[in-house]
Amino acid sequence: METLEVIISPDGRVEARVSGVSGQSCLEVTASLESDLGTVVHRELTVDYFASEASVSTALPVHTLH
């Protein structure tokens, strides 16, 4: 399940956390929010970011022709 959690601190700092999205798609999820709010000061990428979307399909058996 894809989720976007937005936390707004009393000092006005905004933190966005994306979960359930692999690869660079997480950046697309936050792009409009970042555009509306201004400059990104810090970005911390999670393990999900480095997981390629294609890696899911590598679990499928590979059949070779003889």
C-alpha atoms as a PDB file:
ATOM      1  CA  MET A   1       0.000   0.000   0.000  1.00  0.00           C
ATOM      2  CA  GLU A   2       1.419   3.356  -1.038  1.00  0.00           C
ATOM      3  CA  THR A   3       1.339   6.084   1.602  1.00  0.00           C
ATOM      4  CA  LEU A   4       2.583   9.648   1.903  1.00  0.00           C
ATOM      5  CA  GLU A   5       2.894  10.971   5.443  1.00  0.00           C
ATOM      6  CA  VAL A   6       3.397  14.726   5.843  1.00  0.00           C
ATOM      7  CA  ILE A   7       4.599  16.100   9.182  1.00  0.00           C
ATOM      8  CA  ILE A   8       4.556  19.844   9.836  1.00  0.00           C
ATOM      9  CA  SER A   9       6.628  20.944  12.845  1.00  0.00           C
ATOM     10  CA  PRO A  10       5.725  23.959  14.990  1.00  0.00           C
ATOM     11  CA  ASP A  11       8.692  25.811  13.452  1.00  0.00           C
ATOM     12  CA  GLY A  12       7.201  25.344   9.959  1.00  0.00           C
ATOM     13  CA  ARG A  13       9.558  22.584   8.852  1.00  0.00           C
ATOM     14  CA  VAL A  14       7.806  20.022   6.634  1.00  0.00           C
ATOM     15  CA  GLU A  15       8.821  16.377   6.449  1.00  0.00           C
ATOM     16  CA  ALA A  16       7.373  13.944   3.923  1.00  0.00           C
ATOM     17  CA  ARG A  17       7.715  10.188   4.263  1.00  0.00           C
ATOM     18  CA  VAL A  18       6.831   7.848   1.418  1.00  0.00           C
ATOM     19  CA  SER A  19       6.298   4.137   1.938  1.00  0.00           C
ATOM     20  CA  GLY A  20       5.166   1.307  -0.279  1.00  0.00           C
ATOM     21  CA  VAL A  21       6.874   2.744  -3.365  1.00  0.00           C
ATOM     22  CA  SER A  22      10.071   1.302  -4.806  1.00  0.00           C
ATOM     23  CA  GLY A  23      12.684   2.900  -7.003  1.00  0.00           C
ATOM     24  CA  GLN A  24      12.650   6.512  -8.109  1.00  0.00           C
ATOM     25  CA  SER A  25       8.846   6.571  -8.175  1.00  0.00           C
ATOM     26  CA  CYS A  26       8.917   7.926  -4.621  1.00  0.00           C
ATOM     27  CA  LEU A  27      10.387  11.170  -5.970  1.00  0.00           C
ATOM     28  CA  GLU A  28       7.426  11.481  -8.331  1.00  0.00           C
ATOM     29  CA  VAL A  29       5.059  11.084  -5.370  1.00  0.00           C
ATOM     30  CA  THR A  30       6.603  14.074  -3.572  1.00  0.00           C
ATOM     31  CA  ALA A  31       7.430  16.234  -6.618  1.00  0.00           C
ATOM     32  CA  SER A  32       4.321  18.434  -6.577  1.00  0.00           C
ATOM     33  CA  LEU A  33       4.483  18.838  -2.804  1.00  0.00           C
ATOM     34  CA  GLU A  34       8.141  19.879  -3.003  1.00  0.00           C
ATOM     35  CA  SER A  35       7.351  22.267  -5.838  1.00  0.00           C
ATOM     36  CA  ASP A  36       4.587  23.937  -3.849  1.00  0.00           C
ATOM     37  CA  LEU A  37       6.590  24.220  -0.633  1.00  0.00           C
ATOM     38  CA  GLY A  38       9.918  25.446  -1.958  1.00  0.00           C
ATOM     39  CA  THR A  39      13.512  24.299  -1.706  1.00  0.00           C
ATOM     40  CA  VAL A  40      14.367  20.827  -0.418  1.00  0.00           C
ATOM     41  CA  VAL A  41      16.929  21.276   2.348  1.00  0.00           C
ATOM     42  CA  HIS A  42      17.572  17.614   3.118  1.00  0.00           C
ATOM     43  CA  ARG A  43      16.584  14.333   1.475  1.00  0.00           C
ATOM     44  CA  GLU A  44      17.114  10.967   3.128  1.00  0.00           C
ATOM     45  CA  LEU A  45      16.583   8.034   0.783  1.00  0.00           C
ATOM     46  CA  THR A  46      15.394   4.712   2.182  1.00  0.00           C
ATOM     47  CA  VAL A  47      16.214   1.172   1.118  1.00  0.00           C
ATOM     48  CA  ASP A  48      13.046   1.149  -1.008  1.00  0.00           C
ATOM     49  CA  TYR A  49      14.514   3.881  -3.200  1.00  0.00           C
ATOM     50  CA  PHE A  50      17.440   1.672  -4.153  1.00  0.00           C
ATOM     51  CA  ALA A  51      15.222  -1.332  -4.901  1.00  0.00           C
ATOM     52  CA  SER A  52      14.557  -1.431  -8.608  1.00  0.00           C
ATOM     53  CA  GLU A  53      11.017  -1.950  -9.781  1.00  0.00           C
ATOM     54  CA  ALA A  54      12.306  -4.623 -12.154  1.00  0.00           C
ATOM     55  CA  SER A  55      13.727  -6.669  -9.295  1.00  0.00           C
ATOM     56  CA  VAL A  56      10.244  -7.984  -8.590  1.00  0.00           C
ATOM     57  CA  SER A  57      10.143  -9.697 -11.969  1.00  0.00           C
ATOM     58  CA  THR A  58      13.531 -11.360 -11.446  1.00  0.00           C
ATOM     59  CA  ALA A  59      11.833 -13.749  -9.043  1.00  0.00           C
ATOM     60  CA  LEU A  60      10.046 -15.358 -11.988  1.00  0.00           C
ATOM     61  CA  PRO A  61      11.485 -18.586 -13.373  1.00  0.00           C
ATOM     62  CA  VAL A  62      13.518 -18.242 -16.538  1.00  0.00           C
ATOM     63  CA  HIS A  63      12.933 -20.822 -19.282  1.00  0.00           C
ATOM     64  CA  THR A  64      15.542 -21.358 -21.942  1.00  0.00           C
ATOM     65  CA  LEU A  65      14.948 -22.850 -25.358  1.00  0.00           C
ATOM     66  CA  HIS A  66      16.983 -25.934 -26.201  1.00  0.00           C
END
